Amino acid sequence: MGFQLICPIRRYRKTPDDRLKLVDFYQSALGQVIYSKKHTSVEPLIEHIKSIFRIDPVPVRGYDKASGIIFLAVLLYQILIYCNCKIQKITIVQEE
């Protein structure tokens, strides 16, 4: 689909060649610019979702348990955004 995950990645003694390409890209100037945008786009959204559903700190430990709660919160947030868009469209149509 043309997406590429940019995240911190390290080089180890026996790092495979395909992973080395990811390490080189992450450490490049372009990779660092792209990764720095995470703090202005993704992090505020996650903080907003956590504050709306009051799940800060997440009440469970471990990736599997926490990811379920976070994914559910993101789904609910998307449903709320969708409903708000539908309600505003209905309101706008009724006012005309």
PDB file of N, CA and C in Angstrom:
ATOM      1  N   MET A   1       0.812  -1.207   0.000  1.00  0.00           N
ATOM      2  CA  MET A   1       0.000   0.000   0.000  1.00  0.00           C
ATOM      3  C   MET A   1       0.851   1.266   0.000  1.00  0.00           C
ATOM      4  N   GLY A   2       2.156   1.113   0.048  1.00  0.00           N
ATOM      5  CA  GLY A   2       3.016   2.288  -0.006  1.00  0.00           C
ATOM      6  C   GLY A   2       3.347   2.895   1.344  1.00  0.00           C
ATOM      7  N   PHE A   3       2.985   2.261   2.439  1.00  0.00           N
ATOM      8  CA  PHE A   3       3.301   2.777   3.765  1.00  0.00           C
ATOM      9  C   PHE A   3       4.611   2.176   4.246  1.00  0.00           C
ATOM     10  N   GLN A   4       5.346   2.955   5.032  1.00  0.00           N
ATOM     11  CA  GLN A   4       6.570   2.439   5.632  1.00  0.00           C
ATOM     12  C   GLN A   4       6.624   2.936   7.069  1.00  0.00           C
ATOM     13  N   LEU A   5       6.802   2.027   8.005  1.00  0.00           N
ATOM     14  CA  LEU A   5       6.898   2.376   9.408  1.00  0.00           C
ATOM     15  C   LEU A   5       8.276   2.952   9.685  1.00  0.00           C
ATOM     16  N   ILE A   6       8.300   4.126  10.314  1.00  0.00           N
ATOM     17  CA  ILE A   6       9.558   4.748  10.703  1.00  0.00           C
ATOM     18  C   ILE A   6       9.606   4.707  12.223  1.00  0.00           C
ATOM     19  N   CYS A   7      10.537   3.945  12.763  1.00  0.00           N
ATOM     20  CA  CYS A   7      10.659   3.832  14.217  1.00  0.00           C
ATOM     21  C   CYS A   7      12.121   3.602  14.571  1.00  0.00           C
ATOM     22  N   PRO A   8      12.471   3.854  15.840  1.00  0.00           N
ATOM     23  CA  PRO A   8      13.857   3.610  16.239  1.00  0.00           C
ATOM     24  C   PRO A   8      14.234   2.154  15.997  1.00  0.00           C
ATOM     25  N   ILE A   9      15.369   1.954  15.399  1.00  0.00           N
ATOM     26  CA  ILE A   9      15.824   0.611  15.074  1.00  0.00           C
ATOM     27  C   ILE A   9      17.342   0.595  15.203  1.00  0.00           C
ATOM     28  N   ARG A  10      17.876  -0.482  15.742  1.00  0.00           N
ATOM     29  CA  ARG A  10      19.313  -0.559  15.998  1.00  0.00           C
ATOM     30  C   ARG A  10      19.982  -1.612  15.128  1.00  0.00           C
ATOM     31  N   ARG A  11      21.270  -1.415  14.959  1.00  0.00           N
ATOM     32  CA  ARG A  11      22.114  -2.349  14.210  1.00  0.00           C
ATOM     33  C   ARG A  11      22.790  -3.279  15.219  1.00  0.00           C
ATOM     34  N   TYR A  12      22.679  -4.563  14.984  1.00  0.00           N
ATOM     35  CA  TYR A  12      23.332  -5.559  15.833  1.00  0.00           C
ATOM     36  C   TYR A  12      24.392  -6.294  15.024  1.00  0.00           C
ATOM     37  N   ARG A  13      25.133  -7.125  15.704  1.00  0.00           N
ATOM     38  CA  ARG A  13      26.236  -7.831  15.035  1.00  0.00           C
ATOM     39  C   ARG A  13      25.746  -8.686  13.877  1.00  0.00           C
ATOM     40  N   LYS A  14      24.637  -9.360  14.043  1.00  0.00           N
ATOM     41  CA  LYS A  14      24.129 -10.260  12.993  1.00  0.00           C
ATOM     42  C   LYS A  14      22.818  -9.729  12.392  1.00  0.00           C
ATOM     43  N   THR A  15      22.744  -8.438  12.201  1.00  0.00           N
ATOM     44  CA  THR A  15      21.537  -7.840  11.641  1.00  0.00           C
ATOM     45  C   THR A  15      21.396  -8.228  10.176  1.00  0.00           C
ATOM     46  N   PRO A  16      20.212  -8.743   9.763  1.00  0.00           N
ATOM     47  CA  PRO A  16      20.004  -9.098   8.352  1.00  0.00           C
ATOM     48  C   PRO A  16      20.090  -7.869   7.439  1.00  0.00           C
ATOM     49  N   ASP A  17      20.415  -8.105   6.177  1.00  0.00           N
ATOM     50  CA  ASP A  17      20.591  -7.011   5.217  1.00  0.00           C
ATOM     51  C   ASP A  17      19.336  -6.166   5.038  1.00  0.00           C
ATOM     52  N   ASP A  18      18.146  -6.801   4.982  1.00  0.00           N
ATOM     53  CA  ASP A  18      16.925  -6.017   4.789  1.00  0.00           C
ATOM     54  C   ASP A  18      16.666  -5.100   5.980  1.00  0.00           C
ATOM     55  N   ARG A  19      17.037  -5.531   7.173  1.00  0.00           N
ATOM     56  CA  ARG A  19      16.886  -4.694   8.359  1.00  0.00           C
ATOM     57  C   ARG A  19      17.925  -3.578   8.367  1.00  0.00           C
ATOM     58  N   LEU A  20      19.116  -3.846   7.833  1.00  0.00           N
ATOM     59  CA  LEU A  20      20.148  -2.811   7.756  1.00  0.00           C
ATOM     60  C   LEU A  20      19.692  -1.627   6.915  1.00  0.00           C
ATOM     61  N   LYS A  21      18.911  -1.898   5.873  1.00  0.00           N
ATOM     62  CA  LYS A  21      18.363  -0.811   5.050  1.00  0.00           C
ATOM     63  C   LYS A  21      17.449   0.071   5.889  1.00  0.00           C
ATOM     64  N   LEU A  22      16.645  -0.548   6.760  1.00  0.00           N
ATOM     65  CA  LEU A  22      15.768   0.224   7.640  1.00  0.00           C
ATOM     66  C   LEU A  22      16.571   1.039   8.642  1.00  0.00           C
ATOM     67  N   VAL A  23      17.644   0.454   9.178  1.00  0.00           N
ATOM     68  CA  VAL A  23      18.514   1.166  10.117  1.00  0.00           C
ATOM     69  C   VAL A  23      19.123   2.384   9.428  1.00  0.00           C
ATOM     70  N   ASP A  24      19.644   2.193   8.219  1.00  0.00           N
ATOM     71  CA  ASP A  24      20.262   3.301   7.478  1.00  0.00           C
ATOM     72  C   ASP A  24      19.244   4.400   7.187  1.00  0.00           C
ATOM     73  N   PHE A  25      18.036   4.018   6.795  1.00  0.00           N
ATOM     74  CA  PHE A  25      17.018   5.038   6.504  1.00  0.00           C
ATOM     75  C   PHE A  25      16.625   5.784   7.767  1.00  0.00           C
ATOM     76  N   TYR A  26      16.429   5.079   8.870  1.00  0.00           N
ATOM     77  CA  TYR A  26      16.050   5.737  10.125  1.00  0.00           C
ATOM     78  C   TYR A  26      17.124   6.720  10.563  1.00  0.00           C
ATOM     79  N   GLN A  27      18.388   6.364  10.385  1.00  0.00           N
ATOM     80  CA  GLN A  27      19.487   7.222  10.813  1.00  0.00           C
ATOM     81  C   GLN A  27      19.791   8.342   9.819  1.00  0.00           C
ATOM     82  N   SER A  28      19.211   8.296   8.626  1.00  0.00           N
ATOM     83  CA  SER A  28      19.456   9.343   7.633  1.00  0.00           C
ATOM     84  C   SER A  28      18.738  10.632   8.024  1.00  0.00           C
ATOM     85  N   ALA A  29      19.097  11.722   7.379  1.00  0.00           N
ATOM     86  CA  ALA A  29      18.472  13.018   7.663  1.00  0.00           C
ATOM     87  C   ALA A  29      16.972  12.973   7.366  1.00  0.00           C
ATOM     88  N   LEU A  30      16.593  12.366   6.234  1.00  0.00           N
ATOM     89  CA  LEU A  30      15.174  12.271   5.878  1.00  0.00           C
ATOM     90  C   LEU A  30      14.412  11.425   6.892  1.00  0.00           C
ATOM     91  N   GLY A  31      14.986  10.305   7.294  1.00  0.00           N
ATOM     92  CA  GLY A  31      14.341   9.449   8.280  1.00  0.00           C
ATOM     93  C   GLY A  31      14.123  10.170   9.595  1.00  0.00           C
ATOM     94  N   GLN A  32      15.092  10.963  10.022  1.00  0.00           N
ATOM     95  CA  GLN A  32      14.962  11.709  11.273  1.00  0.00           C
ATOM     96  C   GLN A  32      13.907  12.813  11.166  1.00  0.00           C
ATOM     97  N   VAL A  33      13.817  13.457  10.008  1.00  0.00           N
ATOM     98  CA  VAL A  33      12.787  14.487   9.809  1.00  0.00           C
ATOM     99  C   VAL A  33      11.400  13.855   9.880  1.00  0.00           C
ATOM    100  N   ILE A  34      11.228  12.731   9.205  1.00  0.00           N
ATOM    101  CA  ILE A  34       9.934  12.048   9.214  1.00  0.00           C
ATOM    102  C   ILE A  34       9.597  11.588  10.627  1.00  0.00           C
ATOM    103  N   TYR A  35      10.558  11.000  11.323  1.00  0.00           N
ATOM    104  CA  TYR A  35      10.306  10.510  12.683  1.00  0.00           C
ATOM    105  C   TYR A  35      10.002  11.656  13.638  1.00  0.00           C
ATOM    106  N   SER A  36      10.616  12.817  13.447  1.00  0.00           N
ATOM    107  CA  SER A  36      10.370  13.954  14.335  1.00  0.00           C
ATOM    108  C   SER A  36       8.934  14.470  14.214  1.00  0.00           C
ATOM    109  N   LYS A  37       8.283  14.225  13.084  1.00  0.00           N
ATOM    110  CA  LYS A  37       6.900  14.657  12.894  1.00  0.00           C
ATOM    111  C   LYS A  37       5.937  13.868  13.772  1.00  0.00           C
ATOM    112  N   LYS A  38       6.382  12.717  14.265  1.00  0.00           N
ATOM    113  CA  LYS A  38       5.545  11.893  15.132  1.00  0.00           C
ATOM    114  C   LYS A  38       5.099  12.686  16.355  1.00  0.00           C
ATOM    115  N   HIS A  39       5.980  13.523  16.885  1.00  0.00           N
ATOM    116  CA  HIS A  39       5.668  14.267  18.098  1.00  0.00           C
ATOM    117  C   HIS A  39       4.650  15.372  17.857  1.00  0.00           C
ATOM    118  N   THR A  40       4.450  15.762  16.609  1.00  0.00           N
ATOM    119  CA  THR A  40       3.470  16.805  16.321  1.00  0.00           C
ATOM    120  C   THR A  40       2.179  16.254  15.741  1.00  0.00           C
ATOM    121  N   SER A  41       2.126  14.943  15.476  1.00  0.00           N
ATOM    122  CA  SER A  41       0.912  14.387  14.888  1.00  0.00           C
ATOM    123  C   SER A  41       0.351  13.217  15.690  1.00  0.00           C
ATOM    124  N   VAL A  42       1.132  12.188  15.910  1.00  0.00           N
ATOM    125  CA  VAL A  42       0.632  10.975  16.548  1.00  0.00           C
ATOM    126  C   VAL A  42       0.511  11.134  18.057  1.00  0.00           C
ATOM    127  N   GLU A  43       1.552  11.630  18.695  1.00  0.00           N
ATOM    128  CA  GLU A  43       1.561  11.710  20.154  1.00  0.00           C
ATOM    129  C   GLU A  43       0.415  12.567  20.709  1.00  0.00           C
ATOM    130  N   PRO A  44       0.146  13.763  20.160  1.00  0.00           N
ATOM    131  CA  PRO A  44      -0.989  14.534  20.688  1.00  0.00           C
ATOM    132  C   PRO A  44      -2.330  13.818  20.515  1.00  0.00           C
ATOM    133  N   LEU A  45      -2.502  13.087  19.419  1.00  0.00           N
ATOM    134  CA  LEU A  45      -3.752  12.347  19.212  1.00  0.00           C
ATOM    135  C   LEU A  45      -3.913  11.264  20.269  1.00  0.00           C
ATOM    136  N   ILE A  46      -2.854  10.512  20.549  1.00  0.00           N
ATOM    137  CA  ILE A  46      -2.930   9.467  21.567  1.00  0.00           C
ATOM    138  C   ILE A  46      -3.214  10.082  22.934  1.00  0.00           C
ATOM    139  N   GLU A  47      -2.571  11.188  23.258  1.00  0.00           N
ATOM    140  CA  GLU A  47      -2.834  11.865  24.533  1.00  0.00           C
ATOM    141  C   GLU A  47      -4.283  12.334  24.620  1.00  0.00           C
ATOM    142  N   HIS A  48      -4.814  12.839  23.520  1.00  0.00           N
ATOM    143  CA  HIS A  48      -6.204  13.293  23.475  1.00  0.00           C
ATOM    144  C   HIS A  48      -7.157  12.124  23.716  1.00  0.00           C
ATOM    145  N   ILE A  49      -6.916  11.015  23.056  1.00  0.00           N
ATOM    146  CA  ILE A  49      -7.766   9.832  23.227  1.00  0.00           C
ATOM    147  C   ILE A  49      -7.673   9.322  24.657  1.00  0.00           C
ATOM    148  N   LYS A  50      -6.473   9.287  25.225  1.00  0.00           N
ATOM    149  CA  LYS A  50      -6.314   8.823  26.596  1.00  0.00           C
ATOM    150  C   LYS A  50      -7.033   9.734  27.580  1.00  0.00           C
ATOM    151  N   SER A  51      -7.031  11.042  27.324  1.00  0.00           N
ATOM    152  CA  SER A  51      -7.710  11.961  28.239  1.00  0.00           C
ATOM    153  C   SER A  51      -9.225  11.869  28.099  1.00  0.00           C
ATOM    154  N   ILE A  52      -9.736  11.682  26.879  1.00  0.00           N
ATOM    155  CA  ILE A  52     -11.187  11.564  26.679  1.00  0.00           C
ATOM    156  C   ILE A  52     -11.742  10.348  27.413  1.00  0.00           C
ATOM    157  N   PHE A  53     -11.066   9.221  27.295  1.00  0.00           N
ATOM    158  CA  PHE A  53     -11.562   7.981  27.888  1.00  0.00           C
ATOM    159  C   PHE A  53     -10.950   7.695  29.261  1.00  0.00           C
ATOM    160  N   ARG A  54     -10.180   8.647  29.766  1.00  0.00           N
ATOM    161  CA  ARG A  54      -9.580   8.553  31.104  1.00  0.00           C
ATOM    162  C   ARG A  54      -8.852   7.225  31.309  1.00  0.00           C
ATOM    163  N   ILE A  55      -7.961   6.936  30.411  1.00  0.00           N
ATOM    164  CA  ILE A  55      -7.179   5.708  30.518  1.00  0.00           C
ATOM    165  C   ILE A  55      -5.690   6.032  30.638  1.00  0.00           C
ATOM    166  N   ASP A  56      -5.382   7.074  31.415  1.00  0.00           N
ATOM    167  CA  ASP A  56      -3.990   7.425  31.641  1.00  0.00           C
ATOM    168  C   ASP A  56      -3.726   7.432  33.134  1.00  0.00           C
ATOM    169  N   PRO A  57      -2.999   6.523  33.662  1.00  0.00           N
ATOM    170  CA  PRO A  57      -2.267   5.454  33.009  1.00  0.00           C
ATOM    171  C   PRO A  57      -3.190   4.299  32.613  1.00  0.00           C
ATOM    172  N   VAL A  58      -2.756   3.521  31.658  1.00  0.00           N
ATOM    173  CA  VAL A  58      -3.522   2.356  31.221  1.00  0.00           C
ATOM    174  C   VAL A  58      -3.591   1.377  32.400  1.00  0.00           C
ATOM    175  N   PRO A  59      -4.785   0.883  32.746  1.00  0.00           N
ATOM    176  CA  PRO A  59      -4.962   0.098  33.975  1.00  0.00           C
ATOM    177  C   PRO A  59      -4.434  -1.341  33.935  1.00  0.00           C
ATOM    178  N   VAL A  60      -3.778  -1.740  32.868  1.00  0.00           N
ATOM    179  CA  VAL A  60      -3.231  -3.098  32.773  1.00  0.00           C
ATOM    180  C   VAL A  60      -1.779  -3.029  32.352  1.00  0.00           C
ATOM    181  N   ARG A  61      -1.087  -4.131  32.513  1.00  0.00           N
ATOM    182  CA  ARG A  61       0.319  -4.206  32.097  1.00  0.00           C
ATOM    183  C   ARG A  61       0.456  -5.219  30.970  1.00  0.00           C
ATOM    184  N   GLY A  62       1.432  -4.976  30.118  1.00  0.00           N
ATOM    185  CA  GLY A  62       1.690  -5.887  29.011  1.00  0.00           C
ATOM    186  C   GLY A  62       1.091  -5.377  27.722  1.00  0.00           C
ATOM    187  N   TYR A  63       1.818  -5.610  26.641  1.00  0.00           N
ATOM    188  CA  TYR A  63       1.410  -5.108  25.328  1.00  0.00           C
ATOM    189  C   TYR A  63       0.059  -5.660  24.902  1.00  0.00           C
ATOM    190  N   ASP A  64      -0.145  -6.972  25.046  1.00  0.00           N
ATOM    191  CA  ASP A  64      -1.387  -7.589  24.579  1.00  0.00           C
ATOM    192  C   ASP A  64      -2.609  -7.014  25.284  1.00  0.00           C
ATOM    193  N   LYS A  65      -2.542  -6.875  26.583  1.00  0.00           N
ATOM    194  CA  LYS A  65      -3.683  -6.355  27.337  1.00  0.00           C
ATOM    195  C   LYS A  65      -3.890  -4.865  27.069  1.00  0.00           C
ATOM    196  N   ALA A  66      -2.810  -4.107  27.072  1.00  0.00           N
ATOM    197  CA  ALA A  66      -2.925  -2.663  26.855  1.00  0.00           C
ATOM    198  C   ALA A  66      -3.360  -2.339  25.435  1.00  0.00           C
ATOM    199  N   SER A  67      -2.883  -3.092  24.453  1.00  0.00           N
ATOM    200  CA  SER A  67      -3.246  -2.786  23.065  1.00  0.00           C
ATOM    201  C   SER A  67      -4.743  -2.973  22.841  1.00  0.00           C
ATOM    202  N   GLY A  68      -5.348  -3.942  23.489  1.00  0.00           N
ATOM    203  CA  GLY A  68      -6.795  -4.133  23.362  1.00  0.00           C
ATOM    204  C   GLY A  68      -7.566  -2.918  23.848  1.00  0.00           C
ATOM    205  N   ILE A  69      -7.160  -2.371  24.983  1.00  0.00           N
ATOM    206  CA  ILE A  69      -7.827  -1.185  25.532  1.00  0.00           C
ATOM    207  C   ILE A  69      -7.612   0.019  24.631  1.00  0.00           C
ATOM    208  N   ILE A  70      -6.391   0.204  24.168  1.00  0.00           N
ATOM    209  CA  ILE A  70      -6.079   1.355  23.311  1.00  0.00           C
ATOM    210  C   ILE A  70      -6.816   1.252  21.973  1.00  0.00           C
ATOM    211  N   PHE A  71      -6.819   0.068  21.373  1.00  0.00           N
ATOM    212  CA  PHE A  71      -7.523  -0.103  20.098  1.00  0.00           C
ATOM    213  C   PHE A  71      -9.024   0.146  20.255  1.00  0.00           C
ATOM    214  N   LEU A  72      -9.586  -0.302  21.356  1.00  0.00           N
ATOM    215  CA  LEU A  72     -11.010  -0.060  21.618  1.00  0.00           C
ATOM    216  C   LEU A  72     -11.268   1.438  21.775  1.00  0.00           C
ATOM    217  N   ALA A  73     -10.389   2.129  22.483  1.00  0.00           N
ATOM    218  CA  ALA A  73     -10.553   3.571  22.659  1.00  0.00           C
ATOM    219  C   ALA A  73     -10.451   4.300  21.323  1.00  0.00           C
ATOM    220  N   VAL A  74      -9.514   3.889  20.476  1.00  0.00           N
ATOM    221  CA  VAL A  74      -9.375   4.515  19.152  1.00  0.00           C
ATOM    222  C   VAL A  74     -10.620   4.257  18.308  1.00  0.00           C
ATOM    223  N   LEU A  75     -11.154   3.039  18.359  1.00  0.00           N
ATOM    224  CA  LEU A  75     -12.382   2.728  17.628  1.00  0.00           C
ATOM    225  C   LEU A  75     -13.546   3.590  18.113  1.00  0.00           C
ATOM    226  N   LEU A  76     -13.698   3.705  19.410  1.00  0.00           N
ATOM    227  CA  LEU A  76     -14.771   4.541  19.954  1.00  0.00           C
ATOM    228  C   LEU A  76     -14.584   5.999  19.556  1.00  0.00           C
ATOM    229  N   TYR A  77     -13.360   6.466  19.567  1.00  0.00           N
ATOM    230  CA  TYR A  77     -13.074   7.835  19.162  1.00  0.00           C
ATOM    231  C   TYR A  77     -13.470   8.059  17.705  1.00  0.00           C
ATOM    232  N   GLN A  78     -13.133   7.114  16.836  1.00  0.00           N
ATOM    233  CA  GLN A  78     -13.502   7.233  15.426  1.00  0.00           C
ATOM    234  C   GLN A  78     -15.018   7.222  15.251  1.00  0.00           C
ATOM    235  N   ILE A  79     -15.715   6.420  16.033  1.00  0.00           N
ATOM    236  CA  ILE A  79     -17.177   6.398  15.975  1.00  0.00           C
ATOM    237  C   ILE A  79     -17.735   7.743  16.413  1.00  0.00           C
ATOM    238  N   LEU A  80     -17.163   8.326  17.462  1.00  0.00           N
ATOM    239  CA  LEU A  80     -17.611   9.647  17.914  1.00  0.00           C
ATOM    240  C   LEU A  80     -17.397  10.710  16.841  1.00  0.00           C
ATOM    241  N   ILE A  81     -16.247  10.690  16.196  1.00  0.00           N
ATOM    242  CA  ILE A  81     -15.966  11.652  15.120  1.00  0.00           C
ATOM    243  C   ILE A  81     -16.964  11.464  13.981  1.00  0.00           C
ATOM    244  N   TYR A  82     -17.225  10.223  13.592  1.00  0.00           N
ATOM    245  CA  TYR A  82     -18.183   9.934  12.524  1.00  0.00           C
ATOM    246  C   TYR A  82     -19.569  10.451  12.897  1.00  0.00           C
ATOM    247  N   CYS A  83     -20.004  10.165  14.122  1.00  0.00           N
ATOM    248  CA  CYS A  83     -21.333  10.624  14.564  1.00  0.00           C
ATOM    249  C   CYS A  83     -21.411  12.143  14.572  1.00  0.00           C
ATOM    250  N   ASN A  84     -20.353  12.804  15.024  1.00  0.00           N
ATOM    251  CA  ASN A  84     -20.347  14.264  15.015  1.00  0.00           C
ATOM    252  C   ASN A  84     -20.472  14.809  13.600  1.00  0.00           C
ATOM    253  N   CYS A  85     -19.785  14.179  12.656  1.00  0.00           N
ATOM    254  CA  CYS A  85     -19.888  14.623  11.259  1.00  0.00           C
ATOM    255  C   CYS A  85     -21.305  14.418  10.731  1.00  0.00           C
ATOM    256  N   LYS A  86     -21.924  13.289  11.033  1.00  0.00           N
ATOM    257  CA  LYS A  86     -23.292  13.023  10.571  1.00  0.00           C
ATOM    258  C   LYS A  86     -24.280  13.999  11.190  1.00  0.00           C
ATOM    259  N   ILE A  87     -24.142  14.269  12.481  1.00  0.00           N
ATOM    260  CA  ILE A  87     -25.059  15.186  13.161  1.00  0.00           C
ATOM    261  C   ILE A  87     -24.920  16.592  12.602  1.00  0.00           C
ATOM    262  N   GLN A  88     -23.693  17.048  12.362  1.00  0.00           N
ATOM    263  CA  GLN A  88     -23.486  18.381  11.802  1.00  0.00           C
ATOM    264  C   GLN A  88     -24.073  18.481  10.408  1.00  0.00           C
ATOM    265  N   LYS A  89     -23.963  17.429   9.590  1.00  0.00           N
ATOM    266  CA  LYS A  89     -24.542  17.459   8.250  1.00  0.00           C
ATOM    267  C   LYS A  89     -26.055  17.528   8.330  1.00  0.00           C
ATOM    268  N   ILE A  90     -26.644  16.786   9.254  1.00  0.00           N
ATOM    269  CA  ILE A  90     -28.103  16.818   9.416  1.00  0.00           C
ATOM    270  C   ILE A  90     -28.540  18.196   9.881  1.00  0.00           C
ATOM    271  N   THR A  91     -27.819  18.781  10.836  1.00  0.00           N
ATOM    272  CA  THR A  91     -28.152  20.107  11.356  1.00  0.00           C
ATOM    273  C   THR A  91     -28.041  21.158  10.267  1.00  0.00           C
ATOM    274  N   ILE A  92     -26.997  21.105   9.470  1.00  0.00           N
ATOM    275  CA  ILE A  92     -26.795  22.067   8.394  1.00  0.00           C
ATOM    276  C   ILE A  92     -27.923  21.957   7.376  1.00  0.00           C
ATOM    277  N   VAL A  93     -28.326  20.758   7.030  1.00  0.00           N
ATOM    278  CA  VAL A  93     -29.389  20.562   6.052  1.00  0.00           C
ATOM    279  C   VAL A  93     -30.707  21.089   6.604  1.00  0.00           C
ATOM    280  N   GLN A  94     -30.981  20.870   7.862  1.00  0.00           N
ATOM    281  CA  GLN A  94     -32.242  21.332   8.453  1.00  0.00           C
ATOM    282  C   GLN A  94     -32.309  22.827   8.571  1.00  0.00           C
ATOM    283  N   GLU A  95     -31.177  23.522   8.765  1.00  0.00           N
ATOM    284  CA  GLU A  95     -31.160  24.978   8.883  1.00  0.00           C
ATOM    285  C   GLU A  95     -31.425  25.653   7.562  1.00  0.00           C
ATOM    286  N   GLU A  96     -31.103  25.030   6.449  1.00  0.00           N
ATOM    287  CA  GLU A  96     -31.291  25.650   5.137  1.00  0.00           C
ATOM    288  C   GLU A  96     -32.728  25.640   4.804  1.00  0.00           C
TER     289      GLU A  96
END
